[in-house]
Amino acid sequence: MRESHMSIKPMLLVLALASLIPFPECNTSSPTPTPTPLFLTIVEPANGSLVDVNNVTIRGKTLADAVVSINGEPVDVDSSGDFSVTVALEEGSNVFDIIATDEAGDEETTQLVVSFAP
């Protein structure tokens, strides 16, 4: 019986070359998620509304981790990015400056005008 002696050097060469071949389907790194850009949407009331009640609820939507303020007062944002706050109106035109700020410090602003005529 004849023993076969295979040199280890060719095997090492083949293994070394195989390690240089890219196999995309074997990529174990996770893609970096693209962050959602900051947005600010006022759901109600409509800008320019005329109401006959002295309180309205401002409802809006933004990113869940955004910070929202209305005329400088902080407003709670829920885990879906929804926010609402009831505000008192003075007779005539009422202007609300609404600002949403994300973790990166980016801001979205809008102005809402609601008029109260009893």
PDB file of N, CA and C in Angstrom:
ATOM      1  N   MET A   1       0.834  -1.163   0.000  1.00  0.00           N
ATOM      2  CA  MET A   1       0.000   0.000   0.000  1.00  0.00           C
ATOM      3  C   MET A   1       0.881   1.228   0.000  1.00  0.00           C
ATOM      4  N   ARG A   2       0.557   2.103  -0.866  1.00  0.00           N
ATOM      5  CA  ARG A   2       1.370   3.297  -1.020  1.00  0.00           C
ATOM      6  C   ARG A   2       0.701   4.477  -0.343  1.00  0.00           C
ATOM      7  N   GLU A   3       1.434   5.178   0.473  1.00  0.00           N
ATOM      8  CA  GLU A   3       0.883   6.334   1.160  1.00  0.00           C
ATOM      9  C   GLU A   3       1.001   7.558   0.269  1.00  0.00           C
ATOM     10  N   SER A   4      -0.033   8.356   0.299  1.00  0.00           N
ATOM     11  CA  SER A   4      -0.027   9.584  -0.474  1.00  0.00           C
ATOM     12  C   SER A   4       0.378  10.721   0.446  1.00  0.00           C
ATOM     13  N   HIS A   5       1.393  11.411   0.051  1.00  0.00           N
ATOM     14  CA  HIS A   5       1.846  12.561   0.818  1.00  0.00           C
ATOM     15  C   HIS A   5       1.546  13.816   0.021  1.00  0.00           C
ATOM     16  N   MET A   6       0.594  14.524   0.455  1.00  0.00           N
ATOM     17  CA  MET A   6       0.262  15.783  -0.205  1.00  0.00           C
ATOM     18  C   MET A   6       0.959  16.888   0.552  1.00  0.00           C
ATOM     19  N   SER A   7       1.596  17.756  -0.166  1.00  0.00           N
ATOM     20  CA  SER A   7       2.302  18.854   0.474  1.00  0.00           C
ATOM     21  C   SER A   7       1.292  19.829   1.067  1.00  0.00           C
ATOM     22  N   ILE A   8       1.594  20.309   2.204  1.00  0.00           N
ATOM     23  CA  ILE A   8       0.702  21.249   2.883  1.00  0.00           C
ATOM     24  C   ILE A   8       0.766  22.643   2.267  1.00  0.00           C
ATOM     25  N   LYS A   9       1.865  22.968   1.586  1.00  0.00           N
ATOM     26  CA  LYS A   9       2.028  24.310   1.004  1.00  0.00           C
ATOM     27  C   LYS A   9       0.957  24.613  -0.040  1.00  0.00           C
ATOM     28  N   PRO A  10       0.646  23.702  -0.975  1.00  0.00           N
ATOM     29  CA  PRO A  10      -0.428  24.028  -1.927  1.00  0.00           C
ATOM     30  C   PRO A  10      -1.785  24.222  -1.250  1.00  0.00           C
ATOM     31  N   MET A  11      -2.048  23.460  -0.200  1.00  0.00           N
ATOM     32  CA  MET A  11      -3.317  23.615   0.509  1.00  0.00           C
ATOM     33  C   MET A  11      -3.403  24.981   1.181  1.00  0.00           C
ATOM     34  N   LEU A  12      -2.304  25.418   1.766  1.00  0.00           N
ATOM     35  CA  LEU A  12      -2.291  26.736   2.400  1.00  0.00           C
ATOM     36  C   LEU A  12      -2.469  27.831   1.369  1.00  0.00           C
ATOM     37  N   LEU A  13      -1.874  27.666   0.212  1.00  0.00           N
ATOM     38  CA  LEU A  13      -2.009  28.654  -0.860  1.00  0.00           C
ATOM     39  C   LEU A  13      -3.468  28.754  -1.308  1.00  0.00           C
ATOM     40  N   VAL A  14      -4.119  27.600  -1.474  1.00  0.00           N
ATOM     41  CA  VAL A  14      -5.527  27.604  -1.883  1.00  0.00           C
ATOM     42  C   VAL A  14      -6.387  28.282  -0.813  1.00  0.00           C
ATOM     43  N   LEU A  15      -6.160  27.981   0.447  1.00  0.00           N
ATOM     44  CA  LEU A  15      -6.927  28.615   1.518  1.00  0.00           C
ATOM     45  C   LEU A  15      -6.691  30.116   1.570  1.00  0.00           C
ATOM     46  N   ALA A  16      -5.454  30.540   1.375  1.00  0.00           N
ATOM     47  CA  ALA A  16      -5.141  31.971   1.391  1.00  0.00           C
ATOM     48  C   ALA A  16      -5.835  32.685   0.244  1.00  0.00           C
ATOM     49  N   LEU A  17      -5.814  32.088  -0.945  1.00  0.00           N
ATOM     50  CA  LEU A  17      -6.481  32.714  -2.094  1.00  0.00           C
ATOM     51  C   LEU A  17      -7.995  32.752  -1.901  1.00  0.00           C
ATOM     52  N   ALA A  18      -8.567  31.697  -1.335  1.00  0.00           N
ATOM     53  CA  ALA A  18     -10.011  31.653  -1.112  1.00  0.00           C
ATOM     54  C   ALA A  18     -10.444  32.744  -0.150  1.00  0.00           C
ATOM     55  N   SER A  19      -9.604  33.106   0.789  1.00  0.00           N
ATOM     56  CA  SER A  19      -9.977  34.150   1.748  1.00  0.00           C
ATOM     57  C   SER A  19     -10.008  35.533   1.114  1.00  0.00           C
ATOM     58  N   LEU A  20      -9.411  35.672  -0.068  1.00  0.00           N
ATOM     59  CA  LEU A  20      -9.408  36.968  -0.750  1.00  0.00           C
ATOM     60  C   LEU A  20     -10.614  37.157  -1.662  1.00  0.00           C
ATOM     61  N   ILE A  21     -11.357  36.091  -1.920  1.00  0.00           N
ATOM     62  CA  ILE A  21     -12.510  36.168  -2.815  1.00  0.00           C
ATOM     63  C   ILE A  21     -13.704  36.690  -2.024  1.00  0.00           C
ATOM     64  N   PRO A  22     -14.323  37.796  -2.480  1.00  0.00           N
ATOM     65  CA  PRO A  22     -15.482  38.322  -1.746  1.00  0.00           C
ATOM     66  C   PRO A  22     -16.723  37.472  -1.999  1.00  0.00           C
ATOM     67  N   PHE A  23     -17.476  37.226  -0.966  1.00  0.00           N
ATOM     68  CA  PHE A  23     -18.738  36.516  -1.044  1.00  0.00           C
ATOM     69  C   PHE A  23     -19.815  37.404  -0.431  1.00  0.00           C
ATOM     70  N   PRO A  24     -20.469  38.244  -1.260  1.00  0.00           N
ATOM     71  CA  PRO A  24     -21.440  39.207  -0.721  1.00  0.00           C
ATOM     72  C   PRO A  24     -22.554  38.562   0.092  1.00  0.00           C
ATOM     73  N   GLU A  25     -22.984  37.371  -0.296  1.00  0.00           N
ATOM     74  CA  GLU A  25     -24.069  36.740   0.443  1.00  0.00           C
ATOM     75  C   GLU A  25     -23.648  36.322   1.847  1.00  0.00           C
ATOM     76  N   CYS A  26     -22.362  36.372   2.120  1.00  0.00           N
ATOM     77  CA  CYS A  26     -21.859  36.011   3.450  1.00  0.00           C
ATOM     78  C   CYS A  26     -21.528  37.241   4.284  1.00  0.00           C
ATOM     79  N   ASN A  27     -21.887  38.412   3.805  1.00  0.00           N
ATOM     80  CA  ASN A  27     -21.596  39.639   4.533  1.00  0.00           C
ATOM     81  C   ASN A  27     -22.387  39.645   5.833  1.00  0.00           C
ATOM     82  N   THR A  28     -21.677  39.726   6.957  1.00  0.00           N
ATOM     83  CA  THR A  28     -22.350  39.676   8.249  1.00  0.00           C
ATOM     84  C   THR A  28     -22.603  41.051   8.846  1.00  0.00           C
ATOM     85  N   SER A  29     -22.095  42.087   8.205  1.00  0.00           N
ATOM     86  CA  SER A  29     -22.326  43.422   8.760  1.00  0.00           C
ATOM     87  C   SER A  29     -23.741  43.880   8.439  1.00  0.00           C
ATOM     88  N   SER A  30     -24.323  44.618   9.349  1.00  0.00           N
ATOM     89  CA  SER A  30     -25.678  45.135   9.163  1.00  0.00           C
ATOM     90  C   SER A  30     -25.598  46.489   8.473  1.00  0.00           C
ATOM     91  N   PRO A  31     -26.522  46.754   7.543  1.00  0.00           N
ATOM     92  CA  PRO A  31     -26.513  48.081   6.920  1.00  0.00           C
ATOM     93  C   PRO A  31     -26.879  49.147   7.935  1.00  0.00           C
ATOM     94  N   THR A  32     -26.299  50.302   7.764  1.00  0.00           N
ATOM     95  CA  THR A  32     -26.608  51.417   8.649  1.00  0.00           C
ATOM     96  C   THR A  32     -27.957  51.997   8.241  1.00  0.00           C
ATOM     97  N   PRO A  33     -28.911  52.052   9.179  1.00  0.00           N
ATOM     98  CA  PRO A  33     -30.223  52.588   8.815  1.00  0.00           C
ATOM     99  C   PRO A  33     -30.136  54.079   8.502  1.00  0.00           C
ATOM    100  N   THR A  34     -30.920  54.483   7.520  1.00  0.00           N
ATOM    101  CA  THR A  34     -30.984  55.894   7.163  1.00  0.00           C
ATOM    102  C   THR A  34     -31.945  56.576   8.130  1.00  0.00           C
ATOM    103  N   PRO A  35     -31.482  57.628   8.814  1.00  0.00           N
ATOM    104  CA  PRO A  35     -32.380  58.287   9.766  1.00  0.00           C
ATOM    105  C   PRO A  35     -33.543  58.973   9.048  1.00  0.00           C
ATOM    106  N   THR A  36     -34.690  58.972   9.700  1.00  0.00           N
ATOM    107  CA  THR A  36     -35.859  59.656   9.161  1.00  0.00           C
ATOM    108  C   THR A  36     -35.659  61.153   9.339  1.00  0.00           C
ATOM    109  N   PRO A  37     -35.825  61.923   8.266  1.00  0.00           N
ATOM    110  CA  PRO A  37     -35.651  63.369   8.414  1.00  0.00           C
ATOM    111  C   PRO A  37     -36.740  63.970   9.312  1.00  0.00           C
ATOM    112  N   LEU A  38     -36.355  65.017  10.016  1.00  0.00           N
ATOM    113  CA  LEU A  38     -37.286  65.710  10.905  1.00  0.00           C
ATOM    114  C   LEU A  38     -38.423  66.323  10.091  1.00  0.00           C
ATOM    115  N   PHE A  39     -39.621  66.232  10.637  1.00  0.00           N
ATOM    116  CA  PHE A  39     -40.790  66.863  10.011  1.00  0.00           C
ATOM    117  C   PHE A  39     -41.703  67.379  11.114  1.00  0.00           C
ATOM    118  N   LEU A  40     -42.579  68.274  10.751  1.00  0.00           N
ATOM    119  CA  LEU A  40     -43.552  68.845  11.685  1.00  0.00           C
ATOM    120  C   LEU A  40     -44.837  69.102  10.910  1.00  0.00           C
ATOM    121  N   THR A  41     -45.906  68.428  11.316  1.00  0.00           N
ATOM    122  CA  THR A  41     -47.201  68.575  10.658  1.00  0.00           C
ATOM    123  C   THR A  41     -48.245  68.955  11.701  1.00  0.00           C
ATOM    124  N   ILE A  42     -48.990  70.007  11.429  1.00  0.00           N
ATOM    125  CA  ILE A  42     -50.099  70.388  12.302  1.00  0.00           C
ATOM    126  C   ILE A  42     -51.357  69.751  11.723  1.00  0.00           C
ATOM    127  N   VAL A  43     -52.013  68.913  12.517  1.00  0.00           N
ATOM    128  CA  VAL A  43     -53.205  68.197  12.086  1.00  0.00           C
ATOM    129  C   VAL A  43     -54.450  69.061  12.249  1.00  0.00           C
ATOM    130  N   GLU A  44     -54.529  69.746  13.404  1.00  0.00           N
ATOM    131  CA  GLU A  44     -55.644  70.657  13.653  1.00  0.00           C
ATOM    132  C   GLU A  44     -55.271  71.659  14.723  1.00  0.00           C
ATOM    133  N   PRO A  45     -55.871  72.800  14.731  1.00  0.00           N
ATOM    134  CA  PRO A  45     -56.813  73.333  13.747  1.00  0.00           C
ATOM    135  C   PRO A  45     -56.073  73.779  12.480  1.00  0.00           C
ATOM    136  N   ALA A  46     -56.829  74.035  11.445  1.00  0.00           N
ATOM    137  CA  ALA A  46     -56.238  74.527  10.203  1.00  0.00           C
ATOM    138  C   ALA A  46     -55.719  75.945  10.416  1.00  0.00           C
ATOM    139  N   ASN A  47     -54.608  76.254   9.767  1.00  0.00           N
ATOM    140  CA  ASN A  47     -54.060  77.609   9.850  1.00  0.00           C
ATOM    141  C   ASN A  47     -55.085  78.596   9.301  1.00  0.00           C
ATOM    142  N   GLY A  48     -55.309  79.681  10.018  1.00  0.00           N
ATOM    143  CA  GLY A  48     -56.277  80.691   9.593  1.00  0.00           C
ATOM    144  C   GLY A  48     -57.695  80.410  10.053  1.00  0.00           C
ATOM    145  N   SER A  49     -57.865  79.415  10.924  1.00  0.00           N
ATOM    146  CA  SER A  49     -59.204  79.072  11.420  1.00  0.00           C
ATOM    147  C   SER A  49     -59.823  80.220  12.194  1.00  0.00           C
ATOM    148  N   LEU A  50     -61.132  80.320  12.082  1.00  0.00           N
ATOM    149  CA  LEU A  50     -61.930  81.257  12.876  1.00  0.00           C
ATOM    150  C   LEU A  50     -62.826  80.401  13.747  1.00  0.00           C
ATOM    151  N   VAL A  51     -62.696  80.569  15.070  1.00  0.00           N
ATOM    152  CA  VAL A  51     -63.484  79.755  15.998  1.00  0.00           C
ATOM    153  C   VAL A  51     -64.301  80.654  16.917  1.00  0.00           C
ATOM    154  N   ASP A  52     -65.341  80.060  17.515  1.00  0.00           N
ATOM    155  CA  ASP A  52     -66.183  80.833  18.436  1.00  0.00           C
ATOM    156  C   ASP A  52     -66.081  80.303  19.864  1.00  0.00           C
ATOM    157  N   VAL A  53     -65.025  79.555  20.146  1.00  0.00           N
ATOM    158  CA  VAL A  53     -64.755  79.051  21.499  1.00  0.00           C
ATOM    159  C   VAL A  53     -63.399  79.583  21.942  1.00  0.00           C
ATOM    160  N   ASN A  54     -63.223  79.739  23.261  1.00  0.00           N
ATOM    161  CA  ASN A  54     -61.976  80.369  23.718  1.00  0.00           C
ATOM    162  C   ASN A  54     -60.836  79.378  23.997  1.00  0.00           C
ATOM    163  N   ASN A  55     -61.044  78.093  23.720  1.00  0.00           N
ATOM    164  CA  ASN A  55     -59.989  77.090  23.835  1.00  0.00           C
ATOM    165  C   ASN A  55     -59.971  76.220  22.585  1.00  0.00           C
ATOM    166  N   VAL A  56     -58.786  75.908  22.091  1.00  0.00           N
ATOM    167  CA  VAL A  56     -58.654  74.953  20.991  1.00  0.00           C
ATOM    168  C   VAL A  56     -57.529  73.984  21.348  1.00  0.00           C
ATOM    169  N   THR A  57     -57.607  72.805  20.756  1.00  0.00           N
ATOM    170  CA  THR A  57     -56.549  71.823  20.935  1.00  0.00           C
ATOM    171  C   THR A  57     -55.712  71.795  19.671  1.00  0.00           C
ATOM    172  N   ILE A  58     -54.426  72.063  19.842  1.00  0.00           N
ATOM    173  CA  ILE A  58     -53.482  71.989  18.727  1.00  0.00           C
ATOM    174  C   ILE A  58     -52.950  70.562  18.710  1.00  0.00           C
ATOM    175  N   ARG A  59     -53.158  69.875  17.587  1.00  0.00           N
ATOM    176  CA  ARG A  59     -52.673  68.501  17.419  1.00  0.00           C
ATOM    177  C   ARG A  59     -51.699  68.463  16.249  1.00  0.00           C
ATOM    178  N   GLY A  60     -50.638  67.671  16.441  1.00  0.00           N
ATOM    179  CA  GLY A  60     -49.657  67.564  15.377  1.00  0.00           C
ATOM    180  C   GLY A  60     -48.889  66.267  15.428  1.00  0.00           C
ATOM    181  N   LYS A  61     -47.949  66.139  14.494  1.00  0.00           N
ATOM    182  CA  LYS A  61     -47.143  64.929  14.379  1.00  0.00           C
ATOM    183  C   LYS A  61     -45.728  65.313  14.004  1.00  0.00           C
ATOM    184  N   THR A  62     -44.761  64.577  14.567  1.00  0.00           N
ATOM    185  CA  THR A  62     -43.344  64.766  14.282  1.00  0.00           C
ATOM    186  C   THR A  62     -42.632  63.450  14.581  1.00  0.00           C
ATOM    187  N   LEU A  63     -41.320  63.467  14.641  1.00  0.00           N
ATOM    188  CA  LEU A  63     -40.571  62.274  15.032  1.00  0.00           C
ATOM    189  C   LEU A  63     -40.831  61.964  16.503  1.00  0.00           C
ATOM    190  N   ALA A  64     -40.840  60.690  16.836  1.00  0.00           N
ATOM    191  CA  ALA A  64     -41.123  60.276  18.216  1.00  0.00           C
ATOM    192  C   ALA A  64     -40.109  60.819  19.214  1.00  0.00           C
ATOM    193  N   ASP A  65     -38.857  60.999  18.782  1.00  0.00           N
ATOM    194  CA  ASP A  65     -37.831  61.467  19.717  1.00  0.00           C
ATOM    195  C   ASP A  65     -37.588  62.976  19.624  1.00  0.00           C
ATOM    196  N   ALA A  66     -38.463  63.681  18.911  1.00  0.00           N
ATOM    197  CA  ALA A  66     -38.311  65.134  18.785  1.00  0.00           C
ATOM    198  C   ALA A  66     -38.831  65.847  20.028  1.00  0.00           C
ATOM    199  N   VAL A  67     -38.322  67.044  20.224  1.00  0.00           N
ATOM    200  CA  VAL A  67     -38.798  67.924  21.291  1.00  0.00           C
ATOM    201  C   VAL A  67     -39.638  69.006  20.624  1.00  0.00           C
ATOM    202  N   VAL A  68     -40.839  69.221  21.136  1.00  0.00           N
ATOM    203  CA  VAL A  68     -41.756  70.204  20.539  1.00  0.00           C
ATOM    204  C   VAL A  68     -42.055  71.290  21.563  1.00  0.00           C
ATOM    205  N   SER A  69     -42.108  72.523  21.064  1.00  0.00           N
ATOM    206  CA  SER A  69     -42.551  73.642  21.907  1.00  0.00           C
ATOM    207  C   SER A  69     -43.535  74.490  21.106  1.00  0.00           C
ATOM    208  N   ILE A  70     -44.479  75.057  21.838  1.00  0.00           N
ATOM    209  CA  ILE A  70     -45.449  75.980  21.251  1.00  0.00           C
ATOM    210  C   ILE A  70     -45.333  77.273  22.033  1.00  0.00           C
ATOM    211  N   ASN A  71     -44.957  78.338  21.321  1.00  0.00           N
ATOM    212  CA  ASN A  71     -44.686  79.642  21.940  1.00  0.00           C
ATOM    213  C   ASN A  71     -43.725  79.499  23.127  1.00  0.00           C
ATOM    214  N   GLY A  72     -42.725  78.647  22.962  1.00  0.00           N
ATOM    215  CA  GLY A  72     -41.687  78.480  23.975  1.00  0.00           C
ATOM    216  C   GLY A  72     -42.016  77.512  25.090  1.00  0.00           C
ATOM    217  N   GLU A  73     -43.241  76.995  25.133  1.00  0.00           N
ATOM    218  CA  GLU A  73     -43.641  76.048  26.179  1.00  0.00           C
ATOM    219  C   GLU A  73     -43.495  74.617  25.651  1.00  0.00           C
ATOM    220  N   PRO A  74     -42.818  73.738  26.410  1.00  0.00           N
ATOM    221  CA  PRO A  74     -42.648  72.354  25.943  1.00  0.00           C
ATOM    222  C   PRO A  74     -43.982  71.607  25.884  1.00  0.00           C
ATOM    223  N   VAL A  75     -44.077  70.718  24.902  1.00  0.00           N
ATOM    224  CA  VAL A  75     -45.270  69.908  24.685  1.00  0.00           C
ATOM    225  C   VAL A  75     -44.831  68.449  24.651  1.00  0.00           C
ATOM    226  N   ASP A  76     -45.581  67.572  25.321  1.00  0.00           N
ATOM    227  CA  ASP A  76     -45.259  66.142  25.321  1.00  0.00           C
ATOM    228  C   ASP A  76     -45.487  65.538  23.939  1.00  0.00           C
ATOM    229  N   VAL A  77     -44.534  64.690  23.519  1.00  0.00           N
ATOM    230  CA  VAL A  77     -44.634  63.949  22.263  1.00  0.00           C
ATOM    231  C   VAL A  77     -44.677  62.473  22.635  1.00  0.00           C
ATOM    232  N   ASP A  78     -45.663  61.732  22.112  1.00  0.00           N
ATOM    233  CA  ASP A  78     -45.759  60.315  22.483  1.00  0.00           C
ATOM    234  C   ASP A  78     -44.842  59.452  21.611  1.00  0.00           C
ATOM    235  N   SER A  79     -44.855  58.153  21.846  1.00  0.00           N
ATOM    236  CA  SER A  79     -43.943  57.230  21.158  1.00  0.00           C
ATOM    237  C   SER A  79     -44.237  57.098  19.671  1.00  0.00           C
ATOM    238  N   SER A  80     -45.374  57.612  19.216  1.00  0.00           N
ATOM    239  CA  SER A  80     -45.702  57.620  17.791  1.00  0.00           C
ATOM    240  C   SER A  80     -45.374  58.952  17.135  1.00  0.00           C
ATOM    241  N   GLY A  81     -44.942  59.927  17.934  1.00  0.00           N
ATOM    242  CA  GLY A  81     -44.637  61.253  17.403  1.00  0.00           C
ATOM    243  C   GLY A  81     -45.828  62.199  17.417  1.00  0.00           C
ATOM    244  N   ASP A  82     -46.934  61.761  18.014  1.00  0.00           N
ATOM    245  CA  ASP A  82     -48.127  62.615  18.100  1.00  0.00           C
ATOM    246  C   ASP A  82     -48.027  63.529  19.314  1.00  0.00           C
ATOM    247  N   PHE A  83     -48.548  64.729  19.164  1.00  0.00           N
ATOM    248  CA  PHE A  83     -48.613  65.656  20.298  1.00  0.00           C
ATOM    249  C   PHE A  83     -49.917  66.437  20.232  1.00  0.00           C
ATOM    250  N   SER A  84     -50.378  66.889  21.389  1.00  0.00           N
ATOM    251  CA  SER A  84     -51.565  67.748  21.441  1.00  0.00           C
ATOM    252  C   SER A  84     -51.521  68.549  22.729  1.00  0.00           C
ATOM    253  N   VAL A  85     -52.048  69.742  22.642  1.00  0.00           N
ATOM    254  CA  VAL A  85     -52.131  70.615  23.804  1.00  0.00           C
ATOM    255  C   VAL A  85     -53.323  71.557  23.595  1.00  0.00           C
ATOM    256  N   THR A  86     -54.059  71.771  24.677  1.00  0.00           N
ATOM    257  CA  THR A  86     -55.179  72.704  24.622  1.00  0.00           C
ATOM    258  C   THR A  86     -54.673  74.072  25.046  1.00  0.00           C
ATOM    259  N   VAL A  87     -55.007  75.072  24.232  1.00  0.00           N
ATOM    260  CA  VAL A  87     -54.542  76.434  24.495  1.00  0.00           C
ATOM    261  C   VAL A  87     -55.738  77.379  24.613  1.00  0.00           C
ATOM    262  N   ALA A  88     -55.571  78.380  25.449  1.00  0.00           N
ATOM    263  CA  ALA A  88     -56.594  79.414  25.602  1.00  0.00           C
ATOM    264  C   ALA A  88     -56.380  80.473  24.523  1.00  0.00           C
ATOM    265  N   LEU A  89     -57.468  80.977  23.998  1.00  0.00           N
ATOM    266  CA  LEU A  89     -57.404  82.001  22.957  1.00  0.00           C
ATOM    267  C   LEU A  89     -57.877  83.332  23.511  1.00  0.00           C
ATOM    268  N   GLU A  90     -57.279  84.373  23.010  1.00  0.00           N
ATOM    269  CA  GLU A  90     -57.764  85.725  23.281  1.00  0.00           C
ATOM    270  C   GLU A  90     -58.606  86.153  22.094  1.00  0.00           C
ATOM    271  N   GLU A  91     -59.493  87.075  22.333  1.00  0.00           N
ATOM    272  CA  GLU A  91     -60.328  87.558  21.239  1.00  0.00           C
ATOM    273  C   GLU A  91     -59.439  88.143  20.150  1.00  0.00           C
ATOM    274  N   GLY A  92     -59.777  87.804  18.908  1.00  0.00           N
ATOM    275  CA  GLY A  92     -58.985  88.278  17.776  1.00  0.00           C
ATOM    276  C   GLY A  92     -58.024  87.197  17.289  1.00  0.00           C
ATOM    277  N   SER A  93     -56.936  87.652  16.696  1.00  0.00           N
ATOM    278  CA  SER A  93     -55.957  86.741  16.090  1.00  0.00           C
ATOM    279  C   SER A  93     -54.965  86.236  17.140  1.00  0.00           C
ATOM    280  N   ASN A  94     -54.723  84.921  17.159  1.00  0.00           N
ATOM    281  CA  ASN A  94     -53.778  84.282  18.075  1.00  0.00           C
ATOM    282  C   ASN A  94     -52.706  83.578  17.240  1.00  0.00           C
ATOM    283  N   VAL A  95     -51.458  83.898  17.496  1.00  0.00           N
ATOM    284  CA  VAL A  95     -50.344  83.351  16.713  1.00  0.00           C
ATOM    285  C   VAL A  95     -49.571  82.369  17.586  1.00  0.00           C
ATOM    286  N   PHE A  96     -49.325  81.182  17.042  1.00  0.00           N
ATOM    287  CA  PHE A  96     -48.581  80.139  17.745  1.00  0.00           C
ATOM    288  C   PHE A  96     -47.353  79.755  16.916  1.00  0.00           C
ATOM    289  N   ASP A  97     -46.175  79.922  17.512  1.00  0.00           N
ATOM    290  CA  ASP A  97     -44.930  79.492  16.885  1.00  0.00           C
ATOM    291  C   ASP A  97     -44.623  78.091  17.397  1.00  0.00           C
ATOM    292  N   ILE A  98     -44.597  77.123  16.487  1.00  0.00           N
ATOM    293  CA  ILE A  98     -44.412  75.721  16.858  1.00  0.00           C
ATOM    294  C   ILE A  98     -43.068  75.254  16.312  1.00  0.00           C
ATOM    295  N   ILE A  99     -42.251  74.664  17.194  1.00  0.00           N
ATOM    296  CA  ILE A  99     -40.900  74.235  16.820  1.00  0.00           C
ATOM    297  C   ILE A  99     -40.707  72.784  17.232  1.00  0.00           C
ATOM    298  N   ALA A 100     -40.192  71.979  16.312  1.00  0.00           N
ATOM    299  CA  ALA A 100     -39.787  70.601  16.609  1.00  0.00           C
ATOM    300  C   ALA A 100     -38.277  70.535  16.417  1.00  0.00           C
ATOM    301  N   THR A 101     -37.584  69.921  17.372  1.00  0.00           N
ATOM    302  CA  THR A 101     -36.126  69.795  17.319  1.00  0.00           C
ATOM    303  C   THR A 101     -35.768  68.328  17.505  1.00  0.00           C
ATOM    304  N   ASP A 102     -34.886  67.804  16.618  1.00  0.00           N
ATOM    305  CA  ASP A 102     -34.479  66.403  16.765  1.00  0.00           C
ATOM    306  C   ASP A 102     -33.185  66.291  17.565  1.00  0.00           C
ATOM    307  N   GLU A 103     -32.709  65.058  17.758  1.00  0.00           N
ATOM    308  CA  GLU A 103     -31.517  64.814  18.573  1.00  0.00           C
ATOM    309  C   GLU A 103     -30.262  65.452  17.982  1.00  0.00           C
ATOM    310  N   ALA A 104     -30.245  65.652  16.655  1.00  0.00           N
ATOM    311  CA  ALA A 104     -29.084  66.262  15.993  1.00  0.00           C
ATOM    312  C   ALA A 104     -29.106  67.785  16.101  1.00  0.00           C
ATOM    313  N   GLY A 105     -30.196  68.337  16.644  1.00  0.00           N
ATOM    314  CA  GLY A 105     -30.314  69.784  16.768  1.00  0.00           C
ATOM    315  C   GLY A 105     -30.985  70.445  15.580  1.00  0.00           C
ATOM    316  N   ASP A 106     -31.442  69.645  14.609  1.00  0.00           N
ATOM    317  CA  ASP A 106     -32.170  70.205  13.466  1.00  0.00           C
ATOM    318  C   ASP A 106     -33.541  70.673  13.924  1.00  0.00           C
ATOM    319  N   GLU A 107     -34.032  71.741  13.308  1.00  0.00           N
ATOM    320  CA  GLU A 107     -35.332  72.304  13.684  1.00  0.00           C
ATOM    321  C   GLU A 107     -36.261  72.407  12.486  1.00  0.00           C
ATOM    322  N   GLU A 108     -37.522  72.174  12.749  1.00  0.00           N
ATOM    323  CA  GLU A 108     -38.605  72.459  11.814  1.00  0.00           C
ATOM    324  C   GLU A 108     -39.530  73.414  12.550  1.00  0.00           C
ATOM    325  N   THR A 109     -39.936  74.485  11.883  1.00  0.00           N
ATOM    326  CA  THR A 109     -40.812  75.460  12.526  1.00  0.00           C
ATOM    327  C   THR A 109     -42.018  75.736  11.644  1.00  0.00           C
ATOM    328  N   THR A 110     -43.091  76.091  12.292  1.00  0.00           N
ATOM    329  CA  THR A 110     -44.276  76.528  11.567  1.00  0.00           C
ATOM    330  C   THR A 110     -45.014  77.522  12.451  1.00  0.00           C
ATOM    331  N   GLN A 111     -45.836  78.314  11.828  1.00  0.00           N
ATOM    332  CA  GLN A 111     -46.634  79.277  12.560  1.00  0.00           C
ATOM    333  C   GLN A 111     -48.103  78.974  12.301  1.00  0.00           C
ATOM    334  N   LEU A 112     -48.862  78.960  13.347  1.00  0.00           N
ATOM    335  CA  LEU A 112     -50.292  78.674  13.263  1.00  0.00           C
ATOM    336  C   LEU A 112     -51.049  79.897  13.758  1.00  0.00           C
ATOM    337  N   VAL A 113     -52.020  80.346  12.970  1.00  0.00           N
ATOM    338  CA  VAL A 113     -52.848  81.495  13.358  1.00  0.00           C
ATOM    339  C   VAL A 113     -54.291  80.997  13.498  1.00  0.00           C
ATOM    340  N   VAL A 114     -54.863  81.270  14.682  1.00  0.00           N
ATOM    341  CA  VAL A 114     -56.251  80.921  14.955  1.00  0.00           C
ATOM    342  C   VAL A 114     -56.933  82.178  15.489  1.00  0.00           C
ATOM    343  N   SER A 115     -58.064  82.517  14.904  1.00  0.00           N
ATOM    344  CA  SER A 115     -58.785  83.708  15.351  1.00  0.00           C
ATOM    345  C   SER A 115     -60.008  83.303  16.163  1.00  0.00           C
ATOM    346  N   PHE A 116     -60.219  84.046  17.248  1.00  0.00           N
ATOM    347  CA  PHE A 116     -61.338  83.796  18.142  1.00  0.00           C
ATOM    348  C   PHE A 116     -62.306  84.975  18.049  1.00  0.00           C
ATOM    349  N   ALA A 117     -63.553  84.660  17.650  1.00  0.00           N
ATOM    350  CA  ALA A 117     -64.618  85.682  17.605  1.00  0.00           C
ATOM    351  C   ALA A 117     -65.812  85.110  18.365  1.00  0.00           C
ATOM    352  N   PRO A 118     -66.018  85.607  19.590  1.00  0.00           N
ATOM    353  CA  PRO A 118     -67.133  85.060  20.405  1.00  0.00           C
ATOM    354  C   PRO A 118     -68.501  85.357  19.824  1.00  0.00           C
TER     355      PRO A 118
END
